[in-house]
Amino acid sequence: VKEVASLSLVSSACDMVSAAYASTKESHPCLRSVCDAAEKGVQSVTEATASCVQPVLATLEPHVAAVSEYASKGLEKLGEKLPLLQKPVEQILSDTKELVSSGVAEVKDAVSS
């Protein structure tokens, strides 16, 4: 999970969602109270679940480590095949806009001639 979260694409997307969430909470007081209540509920459930799940995780730790290593190798191969994962969302959007603009310009030129 840490490796996936550290990918530029995932990290920048999370940052964008987090900023949008914070902005929405700030600009809409009614939503702020609903979001605050939801956050407290999630925090309570997380704390309660963590204490119950901890013994199970300790038992499964060797298996989780093996799966984690396998997943890490798979993620590495995926990163090699999809370099897009190493780019932040802003750069992907910018590159896409550029590509669309140049495509539109080529079509305009073709239609003009």
N, C-alpha and C. Protein backbone atom coordinates (compact mmCIF):
# COMPACT_ATOMS: atom_id res chain seq x y z
N VAL A 1 0.83 -1.19 0.00
CA VAL A 1 0.00 0.00 0.00
C VAL A 1 0.88 1.25 0.00
N LYS A 2 1.96 1.21 0.76
CA LYS A 2 2.86 2.36 0.80
C LYS A 2 3.46 2.64 -0.57
N GLU A 3 3.82 1.57 -1.28
CA GLU A 3 4.42 1.75 -2.61
C GLU A 3 3.42 2.34 -3.59
N VAL A 4 2.18 1.87 -3.54
CA VAL A 4 1.15 2.40 -4.43
C VAL A 4 0.91 3.87 -4.09
N ALA A 5 0.83 4.17 -2.80
CA ALA A 5 0.59 5.56 -2.38
C ALA A 5 1.74 6.48 -2.75
N SER A 6 2.94 5.92 -2.89
CA SER A 6 4.08 6.77 -3.22
C SER A 6 4.22 7.04 -4.72
N LEU A 7 3.44 6.36 -5.56
CA LEU A 7 3.47 6.65 -6.99
C LEU A 7 3.02 8.08 -7.22
N SER A 8 3.69 8.78 -8.10
CA SER A 8 3.38 10.19 -8.35
C SER A 8 1.93 10.39 -8.73
N LEU A 9 1.41 9.55 -9.59
CA LEU A 9 0.02 9.68 -10.04
C LEU A 9 -0.94 9.54 -8.86
N VAL A 10 -0.75 8.52 -8.05
CA VAL A 10 -1.64 8.27 -6.92
C VAL A 10 -1.48 9.37 -5.87
N SER A 11 -0.25 9.71 -5.56
CA SER A 11 0.01 10.73 -4.55
C SER A 11 -0.58 12.09 -4.93
N SER A 12 -0.37 12.51 -6.18
CA SER A 12 -0.90 13.81 -6.59
C SER A 12 -2.42 13.78 -6.68
N ALA A 13 -3.00 12.64 -7.08
CA ALA A 13 -4.46 12.52 -7.11
C ALA A 13 -5.03 12.61 -5.70
N CYS A 14 -4.39 11.97 -4.75
CA CYS A 14 -4.84 12.05 -3.35
C CYS A 14 -4.73 13.48 -2.83
N ASP A 15 -3.66 14.16 -3.18
CA ASP A 15 -3.49 15.56 -2.77
C ASP A 15 -4.61 16.43 -3.34
N MET A 16 -4.96 16.19 -4.60
CA MET A 16 -6.02 16.98 -5.24
C MET A 16 -7.37 16.71 -4.56
N VAL A 17 -7.66 15.46 -4.28
CA VAL A 17 -8.93 15.11 -3.63
C VAL A 17 -8.96 15.70 -2.21
N SER A 18 -7.85 15.61 -1.52
CA SER A 18 -7.78 16.16 -0.17
C SER A 18 -7.99 17.68 -0.18
N ALA A 19 -7.38 18.36 -1.12
CA ALA A 19 -7.55 19.81 -1.23
C ALA A 19 -8.99 20.17 -1.57
N ALA A 20 -9.60 19.41 -2.46
CA ALA A 20 -11.00 19.66 -2.82
C ALA A 20 -11.92 19.42 -1.62
N TYR A 21 -11.65 18.37 -0.87
CA TYR A 21 -12.43 18.05 0.32
C TYR A 21 -12.32 19.17 1.35
N ALA A 22 -11.10 19.61 1.61
CA ALA A 22 -10.87 20.68 2.59
C ALA A 22 -11.54 21.97 2.13
N SER A 23 -11.44 22.28 0.86
CA SER A 23 -12.05 23.48 0.32
C SER A 23 -13.58 23.43 0.43
N THR A 24 -14.14 22.26 0.13
CA THR A 24 -15.59 22.10 0.23
C THR A 24 -16.06 22.24 1.67
N LYS A 25 -15.32 21.62 2.59
CA LYS A 25 -15.67 21.76 4.01
C LYS A 25 -15.62 23.21 4.45
N GLU A 26 -14.61 23.92 3.96
CA GLU A 26 -14.42 25.31 4.36
C GLU A 26 -15.51 26.22 3.81
N SER A 27 -15.93 25.98 2.59
CA SER A 27 -16.87 26.90 1.95
C SER A 27 -18.34 26.54 2.17
N HIS A 28 -18.62 25.37 2.73
CA HIS A 28 -20.01 24.97 2.96
C HIS A 28 -20.17 24.52 4.42
N PRO A 29 -20.62 25.43 5.29
CA PRO A 29 -20.73 25.11 6.72
C PRO A 29 -21.62 23.90 7.03
N CYS A 30 -22.69 23.73 6.25
CA CYS A 30 -23.57 22.57 6.49
C CYS A 30 -22.83 21.26 6.23
N LEU A 31 -22.08 21.24 5.15
CA LEU A 31 -21.31 20.03 4.83
C LEU A 31 -20.20 19.80 5.84
N ARG A 32 -19.66 20.89 6.38
CA ARG A 32 -18.57 20.76 7.35
C ARG A 32 -19.01 19.92 8.54
N SER A 33 -20.18 20.20 9.08
CA SER A 33 -20.63 19.44 10.25
C SER A 33 -20.88 17.97 9.91
N VAL A 34 -21.42 17.71 8.72
CA VAL A 34 -21.65 16.33 8.29
C VAL A 34 -20.30 15.63 8.11
N CYS A 35 -19.35 16.29 7.48
CA CYS A 35 -18.02 15.70 7.26
C CYS A 35 -17.31 15.45 8.59
N ASP A 36 -17.41 16.40 9.50
CA ASP A 36 -16.77 16.23 10.81
C ASP A 36 -17.34 15.02 11.54
N ALA A 37 -18.67 14.87 11.49
CA ALA A 37 -19.31 13.72 12.14
C ALA A 37 -18.86 12.42 11.48
N ALA A 38 -18.80 12.41 10.15
CA ALA A 38 -18.37 11.21 9.43
C ALA A 38 -16.92 10.87 9.78
N GLU A 39 -16.06 11.88 9.85
CA GLU A 39 -14.65 11.66 10.19
C GLU A 39 -14.52 11.05 11.59
N LYS A 40 -15.30 11.56 12.54
CA LYS A 40 -15.24 11.02 13.91
C LYS A 40 -15.73 9.57 13.92
N GLY A 41 -16.77 9.28 13.16
CA GLY A 41 -17.28 7.91 13.08
C GLY A 41 -16.25 6.96 12.50
N VAL A 42 -15.61 7.38 11.43
CA VAL A 42 -14.58 6.54 10.79
C VAL A 42 -13.42 6.34 11.75
N GLN A 43 -13.04 7.38 12.46
CA GLN A 43 -11.93 7.27 13.41
C GLN A 43 -12.27 6.27 14.52
N SER A 44 -13.49 6.35 15.04
CA SER A 44 -13.91 5.42 16.10
C SER A 44 -13.91 3.98 15.61
N VAL A 45 -14.46 3.76 14.42
CA VAL A 45 -14.50 2.41 13.86
C VAL A 45 -13.10 1.90 13.60
N THR A 46 -12.23 2.76 13.11
CA THR A 46 -10.84 2.37 12.83
C THR A 46 -10.13 1.95 14.11
N GLU A 47 -10.31 2.73 15.16
CA GLU A 47 -9.66 2.41 16.43
C GLU A 47 -10.18 1.10 17.01
N ALA A 48 -11.49 0.89 16.94
CA ALA A 48 -12.08 -0.35 17.45
C ALA A 48 -11.63 -1.55 16.63
N THR A 49 -11.60 -1.39 15.34
CA THR A 49 -11.20 -2.49 14.46
C THR A 49 -9.73 -2.83 14.63
N ALA A 50 -8.89 -1.82 14.79
CA ALA A 50 -7.45 -2.05 14.91
C ALA A 50 -7.13 -2.95 16.09
N SER A 51 -7.80 -2.75 17.22
CA SER A 51 -7.50 -3.58 18.39
C SER A 51 -7.94 -5.02 18.18
N CYS A 52 -9.02 -5.24 17.42
CA CYS A 52 -9.51 -6.60 17.15
C CYS A 52 -8.67 -7.31 16.09
N VAL A 53 -8.21 -6.57 15.11
CA VAL A 53 -7.51 -7.15 13.97
C VAL A 53 -6.03 -7.40 14.28
N GLN A 54 -5.47 -6.68 15.21
CA GLN A 54 -4.04 -6.77 15.50
C GLN A 54 -3.57 -8.21 15.77
N PRO A 55 -4.26 -8.99 16.61
CA PRO A 55 -3.80 -10.38 16.84
C PRO A 55 -3.83 -11.23 15.56
N VAL A 56 -4.84 -11.02 14.73
CA VAL A 56 -4.95 -11.77 13.48
C VAL A 56 -3.79 -11.40 12.55
N LEU A 57 -3.48 -10.11 12.47
CA LEU A 57 -2.38 -9.66 11.61
C LEU A 57 -1.05 -10.23 12.08
N ALA A 58 -0.88 -10.31 13.38
CA ALA A 58 0.38 -10.88 13.91
C ALA A 58 0.53 -12.33 13.47
N THR A 59 -0.56 -13.06 13.46
CA THR A 59 -0.53 -14.47 13.04
C THR A 59 -0.25 -14.58 11.54
N LEU A 60 -0.82 -13.67 10.78
CA LEU A 60 -0.69 -13.74 9.33
C LEU A 60 0.55 -13.03 8.79
N GLU A 61 1.34 -12.43 9.66
CA GLU A 61 2.46 -11.60 9.22
C GLU A 61 3.39 -12.27 8.21
N PRO A 62 3.81 -13.52 8.39
CA PRO A 62 4.69 -14.12 7.37
C PRO A 62 4.03 -14.21 5.99
N HIS A 63 2.74 -14.51 5.98
CA HIS A 63 2.01 -14.61 4.71
C HIS A 63 1.85 -13.24 4.07
N VAL A 64 1.56 -12.26 4.90
CA VAL A 64 1.41 -10.89 4.40
C VAL A 64 2.72 -10.40 3.82
N ALA A 65 3.83 -10.73 4.45
CA ALA A 65 5.15 -10.32 3.95
C ALA A 65 5.42 -10.94 2.58
N ALA A 66 5.06 -12.21 2.41
CA ALA A 66 5.28 -12.87 1.12
C ALA A 66 4.41 -12.24 0.04
N VAL A 67 3.16 -11.99 0.34
CA VAL A 67 2.25 -11.36 -0.61
C VAL A 67 2.73 -9.95 -0.94
N SER A 68 3.20 -9.24 0.07
CA SER A 68 3.69 -7.88 -0.12
C SER A 68 4.89 -7.85 -1.08
N GLU A 69 5.79 -8.79 -0.90
CA GLU A 69 6.97 -8.87 -1.78
C GLU A 69 6.55 -9.16 -3.22
N TYR A 70 5.62 -10.09 -3.38
CA TYR A 70 5.11 -10.44 -4.71
C TYR A 70 4.41 -9.23 -5.35
N ALA A 71 3.60 -8.54 -4.56
CA ALA A 71 2.89 -7.36 -5.06
C ALA A 71 3.87 -6.26 -5.44
N SER A 72 4.93 -6.11 -4.67
CA SER A 72 5.94 -5.10 -4.95
C SER A 72 6.61 -5.34 -6.29
N LYS A 73 6.94 -6.60 -6.55
CA LYS A 73 7.55 -6.95 -7.84
C LYS A 73 6.58 -6.68 -9.00
N GLY A 74 5.32 -7.03 -8.79
CA GLY A 74 4.30 -6.78 -9.81
C GLY A 74 4.11 -5.30 -10.06
N LEU A 75 4.13 -4.52 -9.01
CA LEU A 75 4.00 -3.07 -9.14
C LEU A 75 5.19 -2.47 -9.87
N GLU A 76 6.36 -3.01 -9.61
CA GLU A 76 7.57 -2.54 -10.30
C GLU A 76 7.46 -2.80 -11.81
N LYS A 77 6.99 -4.00 -12.18
CA LYS A 77 6.82 -4.33 -13.59
C LYS A 77 5.75 -3.44 -14.22
N LEU A 78 4.68 -3.19 -13.49
CA LEU A 78 3.61 -2.33 -13.99
C LEU A 78 4.14 -0.92 -14.22
N GLY A 79 4.97 -0.43 -13.31
CA GLY A 79 5.57 0.89 -13.46
C GLY A 79 6.45 1.00 -14.68
N GLU A 80 7.14 -0.10 -15.02
CA GLU A 80 7.98 -0.11 -16.22
C GLU A 80 7.12 -0.05 -17.49
N LYS A 81 5.99 -0.75 -17.47
CA LYS A 81 5.12 -0.79 -18.65
C LYS A 81 4.22 0.44 -18.77
N LEU A 82 3.93 1.08 -17.64
CA LEU A 82 3.08 2.27 -17.64
C LEU A 82 3.81 3.43 -16.98
N PRO A 83 4.68 4.11 -17.71
CA PRO A 83 5.43 5.23 -17.11
C PRO A 83 4.51 6.36 -16.66
N LEU A 84 3.27 6.32 -17.11
CA LEU A 84 2.27 7.30 -16.70
C LEU A 84 2.11 7.32 -15.17
N LEU A 85 2.32 6.17 -14.52
CA LEU A 85 2.17 6.08 -13.07
C LEU A 85 3.20 6.93 -12.33
N GLN A 86 4.29 7.26 -13.00
CA GLN A 86 5.36 8.04 -12.37
C GLN A 86 5.16 9.53 -12.53
N LYS A 87 4.08 9.93 -13.23
CA LYS A 87 3.84 11.35 -13.47
C LYS A 87 2.71 11.85 -12.57
N PRO A 88 2.81 13.09 -12.10
CA PRO A 88 1.71 13.66 -11.31
C PRO A 88 0.51 13.98 -12.21
N VAL A 89 -0.66 14.05 -11.62
CA VAL A 89 -1.89 14.31 -12.37
C VAL A 89 -1.78 15.59 -13.18
N GLU A 90 -1.21 16.63 -12.60
CA GLU A 90 -1.10 17.91 -13.29
C GLU A 90 -0.33 17.78 -14.60
N GLN A 91 0.74 17.01 -14.58
CA GLN A 91 1.54 16.82 -15.79
C GLN A 91 0.76 16.01 -16.83
N ILE A 92 0.04 15.00 -16.38
CA ILE A 92 -0.76 14.19 -17.31
C ILE A 92 -1.82 15.05 -17.97
N LEU A 93 -2.48 15.90 -17.19
CA LEU A 93 -3.50 16.79 -17.75
C LEU A 93 -2.88 17.76 -18.75
N SER A 94 -1.74 18.31 -18.38
CA SER A 94 -1.05 19.25 -19.27
C SER A 94 -0.65 18.57 -20.58
N ASP A 95 -0.07 17.38 -20.47
CA ASP A 95 0.34 16.64 -21.67
C ASP A 95 -0.86 16.30 -22.55
N THR A 96 -1.98 15.94 -21.92
CA THR A 96 -3.19 15.60 -22.66
C THR A 96 -3.74 16.82 -23.39
N LYS A 97 -3.75 17.97 -22.70
CA LYS A 97 -4.22 19.20 -23.34
C LYS A 97 -3.35 19.55 -24.54
N GLU A 98 -2.05 19.40 -24.38
CA GLU A 98 -1.12 19.67 -25.48
C GLU A 98 -1.39 18.76 -26.67
N LEU A 99 -1.57 17.48 -26.38
CA LEU A 99 -1.82 16.49 -27.42
C LEU A 99 -3.13 16.81 -28.16
N VAL A 100 -4.16 17.15 -27.42
CA VAL A 100 -5.45 17.48 -28.04
C VAL A 100 -5.32 18.76 -28.86
N SER A 101 -4.62 19.75 -28.33
CA SER A 101 -4.43 21.01 -29.07
C SER A 101 -3.70 20.79 -30.38
N SER A 102 -2.64 20.01 -30.33
CA SER A 102 -1.89 19.77 -31.56
C SER A 102 -2.73 18.97 -32.55
N GLY A 103 -3.54 18.04 -32.05
CA GLY A 103 -4.42 17.27 -32.92
C GLY A 103 -5.47 18.15 -33.58
N VAL A 104 -6.03 19.07 -32.81
CA VAL A 104 -7.03 20.00 -33.35
C VAL A 104 -6.38 20.90 -34.39
N ALA A 105 -5.18 21.36 -34.10
CA ALA A 105 -4.47 22.23 -35.04
C ALA A 105 -4.19 21.49 -36.36
N GLU A 106 -3.80 20.23 -36.26
CA GLU A 106 -3.56 19.44 -37.47
C GLU A 106 -4.84 19.26 -38.28
N VAL A 107 -5.95 19.02 -37.60
CA VAL A 107 -7.23 18.87 -38.29
C VAL A 107 -7.63 20.17 -38.96
N LYS A 108 -7.44 21.30 -38.26
CA LYS A 108 -7.75 22.61 -38.86
C LYS A 108 -6.93 22.84 -40.11
N ASP A 109 -5.62 22.55 -40.03
CA ASP A 109 -4.74 22.71 -41.18
C ASP A 109 -5.18 21.83 -42.35
N ALA A 110 -5.54 20.59 -42.03
CA ALA A 110 -5.98 19.66 -43.09
C ALA A 110 -7.27 20.14 -43.73
N VAL A 111 -8.20 20.65 -42.94
CA VAL A 111 -9.47 21.14 -43.46
C VAL A 111 -9.25 22.40 -44.28
N SER A 112 -8.35 23.27 -43.82
CA SER A 112 -8.06 24.52 -44.52
C SER A 112 -7.49 24.28 -45.90
N SER A 113 -6.58 23.30 -45.98
CA SER A 113 -5.93 23.05 -47.26
C SER A 113 -6.82 22.16 -48.12
